[in-house]
Amino acid sequence: MAAAPKNPRTRPPAARHAAPQVPAHLPSARRRAQGQPVAAPARSAATEPDARNVIEFRGVSMHYTDGGIGLSDATFNVRGGEFLFLVGSTGSGKSTVMRLLTKALEPTEGHIRVAGRALREMSRSKVPYYRRNLGVVFQDYKLLPNRTVYDNVAYALSATGATRRDIRAKVPDILRLTGLSTKLHSYPDQLSGGEQQRVSVARAFVNHPPLLLADEPTGNLDPHTSIGIMQLLYRINRTGTTVVVATHDNHLVDRMRRRVIELRGGRILRDDPTGLYAAKEQSTDEFGDMLERAFTDDEN
């Protein structure tokens, strides 16, 4: 029997279904930008932690006893040295993420790792030590009203067991970094809102934590004071600290070209990593100039 003639239009099945070739070294963010496939993060708690991640959320949900949903099936990673914004309206889930990271809440479902350690497995007695190794900045500053700027920052060091010698060496350095070197002996009620928030940032960073969390750090500040606080957080990030900022100030965030996770109703609506790949590294002054121009343009 004669062989059936070959159809020249028919390709072998292997060729027809071949997956696109993606270089193994290409980062996920760049693959997304090029329209190439990106594997979803593994969700299993048994998955080995990735040493490059400072934060790992795997299928994390937080349901409150009154029926409210703080977070629903959230899965994301934050690499060491990243600057990440969590954005969304009030009740979107930003503060829930922050409270889960500080162990103020326990998730209803899912698994959270910080620096490779599973928070669910952390005993209650270890939580204070864990928190002392985080930097946390609050919207309402939470300064000690009867202590000077110097003493507010020194208190954070003494809580970790630092010696007086270490305190004397480190506190002036961090106050210079945050622009407070002339305010050492001032009390909180003698400072402006922006200066009080700088003290809060100085206190959070004086231990040089690997992770700094800022929950609405500019919520009580005017736009131009907010720029100074963002410059300060950017400067801290450039030292290698991972910075996570929760904010509803989309106007500011959209001009900063940093990674953004947008939350709505406890769900991740958007994870935009494109700001990680700037054309060139910015200095802190260039970064501030960029924000100043953005606000000036809007005012005009």
Protein backbone atom coordinates (compact mmCIF):
# COMPACT_ATOMS: atom_id res chain seq x y z
CA MET A 1 0.00 0.00 0.00
CA ALA A 2 1.33 3.40 -0.91
CA ALA A 3 2.12 5.79 1.95
CA ALA A 4 -0.33 8.66 2.43
CA PRO A 5 0.98 11.94 1.04
CA LYS A 6 2.35 14.34 3.68
CA ASN A 7 0.51 17.59 4.33
CA PRO A 8 3.14 20.34 4.07
CA ARG A 9 1.08 22.60 6.38
CA THR A 10 1.06 20.09 9.23
CA ARG A 11 3.75 20.59 11.88
CA PRO A 12 4.88 17.82 14.22
CA PRO A 13 2.91 17.91 17.49
CA ALA A 14 6.03 18.66 19.52
CA ALA A 15 6.78 21.74 17.47
CA ARG A 16 3.15 22.91 17.52
CA HIS A 17 2.92 22.78 21.33
CA ALA A 18 6.45 23.75 22.24
CA ALA A 19 6.63 26.20 25.14
CA PRO A 20 8.41 29.50 24.57
CA GLN A 21 12.02 29.48 25.62
CA VAL A 22 12.64 31.71 28.63
CA PRO A 23 16.19 32.23 29.91
CA ALA A 24 16.43 30.77 33.40
CA HIS A 25 18.24 33.83 34.71
CA LEU A 26 15.63 36.38 33.57
CA PRO A 27 13.91 37.97 36.63
CA SER A 28 10.15 37.55 36.92
CA ALA A 29 9.54 41.29 36.67
CA ARG A 30 11.38 41.47 33.36
CA ARG A 31 9.54 38.41 32.04
CA ARG A 32 6.21 40.10 32.78
CA ALA A 33 7.35 43.27 31.00
CA GLN A 34 8.26 41.19 27.92
CA GLY A 35 4.96 39.29 27.96
CA GLN A 36 6.66 36.00 28.83
CA PRO A 37 5.18 33.42 31.23
CA VAL A 38 5.94 33.69 34.93
CA ALA A 39 5.46 30.81 37.33
CA ALA A 40 3.26 31.62 40.33
CA PRO A 41 4.98 31.45 43.72
CA ALA A 42 4.74 28.04 45.36
CA ARG A 43 1.95 27.97 47.92
CA SER A 44 2.92 24.92 49.92
CA ALA A 45 4.11 25.48 53.46
CA ALA A 46 6.60 22.68 52.86
CA THR A 47 8.37 24.69 50.14
CA GLU A 48 11.90 25.54 51.15
CA PRO A 49 12.33 29.27 51.91
CA ASP A 50 14.16 31.31 49.32
CA ALA A 51 17.15 33.02 50.95
CA ARG A 52 16.62 36.03 48.68
CA ASN A 53 13.19 36.75 50.21
CA VAL A 54 12.81 38.80 53.37
CA ILE A 55 9.00 38.33 53.33
CA GLU A 56 6.97 35.40 51.98
CA PHE A 57 3.16 35.22 52.10
CA ARG A 58 1.59 31.93 50.94
CA GLY A 59 -2.21 31.82 50.63
CA VAL A 60 -2.65 34.11 53.64
CA SER A 61 -6.18 35.01 54.78
CA MET A 62 -7.34 36.97 57.81
CA HIS A 63 -11.01 36.72 58.81
CA TYR A 64 -12.14 38.75 61.81
CA THR A 65 -14.63 37.49 64.38
CA ASP A 66 -17.21 40.11 63.31
CA GLY A 67 -17.23 38.61 59.82
CA GLY A 68 -14.93 41.18 58.26
CA ILE A 69 -12.22 40.06 55.83
CA GLY A 70 -8.84 41.70 56.39
CA LEU A 71 -6.96 39.63 53.82
CA SER A 72 -7.99 36.93 51.36
CA ASP A 73 -5.64 34.34 49.86
CA ALA A 74 -2.64 36.67 49.53
CA THR A 75 0.54 35.25 48.00
CA PHE A 76 3.61 37.40 47.34
CA ASN A 77 7.34 37.68 48.03
CA VAL A 78 9.50 40.67 48.98
CA ARG A 79 13.18 40.36 48.14
CA GLY A 80 15.96 41.70 50.32
CA GLY A 81 16.69 45.35 49.54
CA GLU A 82 13.32 46.04 47.87
CA PHE A 83 11.25 49.18 48.41
CA LEU A 84 7.58 48.14 48.31
CA PHE A 85 4.39 50.17 48.56
CA LEU A 86 1.13 48.64 49.76
CA VAL A 87 -1.65 50.87 48.45
CA GLY A 88 -5.42 50.92 48.66
CA SER A 89 -8.30 52.73 50.31
CA THR A 90 -9.21 52.44 53.98
CA GLY A 91 -10.17 48.84 54.76
CA SER A 92 -8.35 47.40 51.75
CA GLY A 93 -6.03 45.22 53.87
CA LYS A 94 -2.83 47.30 54.09
CA SER A 95 -2.78 47.56 57.87
CA THR A 96 -3.75 43.89 58.18
CA VAL A 97 -0.57 42.95 56.30
CA MET A 98 1.47 45.17 58.62
CA ARG A 99 -0.12 43.72 61.76
CA LEU A 100 0.46 40.18 60.50
CA LEU A 101 4.13 41.01 59.93
CA THR A 102 4.53 42.36 63.47
CA LYS A 103 2.68 39.34 64.95
CA ALA A 104 -0.10 41.57 66.28
CA LEU A 105 -2.46 39.21 64.40
CA GLU A 106 -2.36 35.52 63.54
CA PRO A 107 -3.61 34.54 60.06
CA THR A 108 -6.76 32.47 59.74
CA GLU A 109 -5.16 30.53 56.88
CA GLY A 110 -1.83 30.41 55.10
CA HIS A 111 1.81 30.79 56.01
CA ILE A 112 4.11 33.78 56.53
CA ARG A 113 7.89 33.71 56.62
CA VAL A 114 10.15 36.61 57.56
CA ALA A 115 13.86 36.16 56.83
CA GLY A 116 13.17 32.46 56.26
CA ARG A 117 11.46 31.91 59.60
CA ALA A 118 7.84 30.71 59.80
CA LEU A 119 5.95 33.15 62.02
CA ARG A 120 3.31 30.55 62.86
CA GLU A 121 5.98 28.43 64.55
CA MET A 122 7.31 31.31 66.67
CA SER A 123 6.54 30.88 70.37
CA ARG A 124 4.88 33.72 72.23
CA SER A 125 7.99 34.23 74.36
CA LYS A 126 10.05 34.93 71.21
CA VAL A 127 7.72 37.59 69.81
CA PRO A 128 9.19 40.56 71.76
CA TYR A 129 12.68 39.65 70.55
CA TYR A 130 11.40 39.33 66.99
CA ARG A 131 9.76 42.76 67.15
CA ARG A 132 12.92 44.36 68.48
CA ASN A 133 14.61 43.29 65.25
CA LEU A 134 12.00 45.05 63.10
CA GLY A 135 11.86 48.76 62.40
CA VAL A 136 8.30 50.11 62.65
CA VAL A 137 7.14 53.65 61.80
CA PHE A 138 3.59 54.72 62.75
CA GLN A 139 1.32 57.42 61.39
CA ASP A 140 0.86 58.96 64.87
CA TYR A 141 4.60 58.77 65.73
CA LYS A 142 4.14 57.07 69.15
CA LEU A 143 6.94 59.09 70.77
CA LEU A 144 7.48 59.25 74.53
CA PRO A 145 6.24 62.77 75.35
CA ASN A 146 8.35 63.26 78.47
CA ARG A 147 11.64 62.31 76.80
CA THR A 148 13.91 64.29 74.51
CA VAL A 149 14.63 63.39 70.90
CA TYR A 150 17.92 61.81 72.00
CA ASP A 151 16.24 59.77 74.74
CA ASN A 152 13.41 58.59 72.46
CA VAL A 153 15.96 57.11 70.06
CA ALA A 154 18.25 55.84 72.81
CA TYR A 155 15.32 54.03 74.41
CA ALA A 156 14.92 51.85 71.30
CA LEU A 157 18.57 50.84 71.57
CA SER A 158 18.47 50.17 75.31
CA ALA A 159 15.47 47.86 74.79
CA THR A 160 17.71 45.58 72.71
CA GLY A 161 20.38 45.44 75.42
CA ALA A 162 22.78 47.95 73.87
CA THR A 163 25.50 49.28 76.16
CA ARG A 164 25.78 52.97 77.05
CA ARG A 165 28.86 53.13 74.86
CA ASP A 166 26.92 51.82 71.85
CA ILE A 167 24.09 54.25 72.53
CA ARG A 168 26.46 57.22 72.71
CA ALA A 169 28.03 56.16 69.41
CA LYS A 170 24.89 55.30 67.44
CA VAL A 171 22.30 57.87 68.45
CA PRO A 172 24.18 60.96 67.17
CA ASP A 173 24.88 59.15 63.88
CA ILE A 174 21.23 58.30 63.23
CA LEU A 175 20.11 61.82 64.21
CA ARG A 176 22.54 63.26 61.66
CA LEU A 177 21.19 60.87 59.01
CA THR A 178 17.61 61.96 59.72
CA GLY A 179 18.42 65.68 59.87
CA LEU A 180 17.82 66.02 63.62
CA SER A 181 21.31 66.74 64.90
CA THR A 182 20.23 70.18 66.20
CA LYS A 183 17.16 68.78 67.99
CA LEU A 184 18.83 66.38 70.43
CA HIS A 185 17.46 68.08 73.55
CA SER A 186 14.02 69.02 72.19
CA TYR A 187 10.83 67.37 73.41
CA PRO A 188 8.18 66.03 71.00
CA ASP A 189 5.76 68.92 71.66
CA GLN A 190 8.50 71.33 70.56
CA LEU A 191 8.77 69.69 67.12
CA SER A 192 6.75 70.01 63.93
CA GLY A 193 4.84 67.01 62.60
CA GLY A 194 7.56 66.31 60.05
CA GLU A 195 10.26 66.47 62.71
CA GLN A 196 8.32 64.13 64.99
CA GLN A 197 8.01 61.62 62.14
CA ARG A 198 11.76 61.89 61.53
CA VAL A 199 12.30 60.96 65.17
CA SER A 200 10.00 57.98 64.64
CA VAL A 201 12.03 56.92 61.60
CA ALA A 202 15.31 57.41 63.48
CA ARG A 203 14.04 55.25 66.35
CA ALA A 204 12.96 52.53 63.90
CA PHE A 205 16.27 52.48 62.04
CA VAL A 206 18.79 53.00 64.84
CA ASN A 207 19.30 49.21 65.14
CA HIS A 208 19.78 48.94 61.36
CA PRO A 209 17.05 46.29 61.04
CA PRO A 210 16.88 44.17 57.87
CA LEU A 211 13.18 45.11 57.52
CA LEU A 212 11.50 48.45 58.12
CA LEU A 213 7.68 48.74 58.10
CA ALA A 214 6.03 52.15 57.76
CA ASP A 215 2.24 52.31 58.21
CA GLU A 216 0.87 55.55 56.69
CA PRO A 217 4.05 57.48 57.61
CA THR A 218 2.92 60.63 55.75
CA GLY A 219 -0.79 60.46 56.61
CA ASN A 220 -0.66 63.49 58.94
CA LEU A 221 1.82 65.53 56.89
CA ASP A 222 1.53 68.13 54.14
CA PRO A 223 2.77 67.14 50.64
CA HIS A 224 6.17 68.80 50.81
CA THR A 225 6.93 67.43 54.29
CA SER A 226 5.89 64.03 52.96
CA ILE A 227 8.57 64.32 50.28
CA GLY A 228 11.23 64.71 52.98
CA ILE A 229 10.03 61.60 54.81
CA MET A 230 10.00 59.58 51.57
CA GLN A 231 13.52 60.81 50.79
CA LEU A 232 14.59 59.60 54.23
CA LEU A 233 13.02 56.17 53.71
CA TYR A 234 14.66 55.99 50.28
CA ARG A 235 18.04 56.82 51.83
CA ILE A 236 17.53 54.04 54.40
CA ASN A 237 16.57 51.61 51.63
CA ARG A 238 19.81 52.44 49.80
CA THR A 239 21.77 51.13 52.80
CA GLY A 240 20.31 47.67 52.10
CA THR A 241 17.28 47.66 54.41
CA THR A 242 14.05 46.29 52.93
CA VAL A 243 11.34 48.96 53.24
CA VAL A 244 7.58 48.30 53.11
CA VAL A 245 5.30 51.36 53.19
CA ALA A 246 1.51 51.15 53.54
CA THR A 247 -0.19 54.26 52.19
CA HIS A 248 -3.32 55.53 50.46
CA ASP A 249 -1.39 58.41 48.85
CA ASN A 250 -1.50 57.20 45.25
CA HIS A 251 -0.52 60.68 44.05
CA LEU A 252 2.90 60.31 45.65
CA VAL A 253 3.37 56.60 44.98
CA ASP A 254 2.67 56.80 41.26
CA ARG A 255 5.66 59.13 40.81
CA MET A 256 8.21 57.08 42.72
CA ARG A 257 8.78 54.18 40.31
CA ARG A 258 8.95 51.56 43.06
CA ARG A 259 7.13 48.24 43.31
CA VAL A 260 3.44 48.60 44.16
CA ILE A 261 0.98 46.01 45.49
CA GLU A 262 -2.58 47.34 45.38
CA LEU A 263 -5.17 45.82 47.71
CA ARG A 264 -8.94 46.01 47.52
CA GLY A 265 -11.30 44.25 49.88
CA GLY A 266 -8.44 42.16 51.25
CA ARG A 267 -7.40 40.84 47.83
CA ILE A 268 -4.32 41.67 45.79
CA LEU A 269 -5.61 43.64 42.82
CA ARG A 270 -2.27 44.57 41.25
CA ASP A 271 1.43 43.78 41.73
CA ASP A 272 3.39 46.22 39.59
CA PRO A 273 7.14 45.60 39.68
CA THR A 274 8.16 47.84 36.78
CA GLY A 275 9.60 50.56 39.00
CA LEU A 276 12.40 48.21 40.10
CA TYR A 277 14.25 48.61 36.80
CA ALA A 278 15.09 52.29 36.54
CA ALA A 279 17.36 53.46 33.75
CA LYS A 280 19.94 54.56 36.30
CA GLU A 281 20.39 54.62 40.05
CA GLN A 282 19.11 57.83 41.60
CA SER A 283 20.82 59.76 44.37
CA THR A 284 18.66 60.86 47.29
CA ASP A 285 18.75 64.47 46.05
CA GLU A 286 17.70 63.44 42.51
CA PHE A 287 14.88 61.42 44.03
CA GLY A 288 13.67 64.44 46.02
CA ASP A 289 13.93 66.72 42.98
CA MET A 290 11.75 64.27 41.01
CA LEU A 291 9.02 64.39 43.67
CA GLU A 292 9.24 68.19 43.97
CA ARG A 293 8.75 68.54 40.21
CA ALA A 294 5.75 66.20 40.34
CA PHE A 295 4.01 68.33 42.99
CA THR A 296 4.95 71.60 41.27
CA ASP A 297 3.50 70.38 37.96
CA ASP A 298 0.23 69.43 39.65
CA GLU A 299 -0.06 72.77 41.42
CA ASN A 300 0.43 74.60 38.12
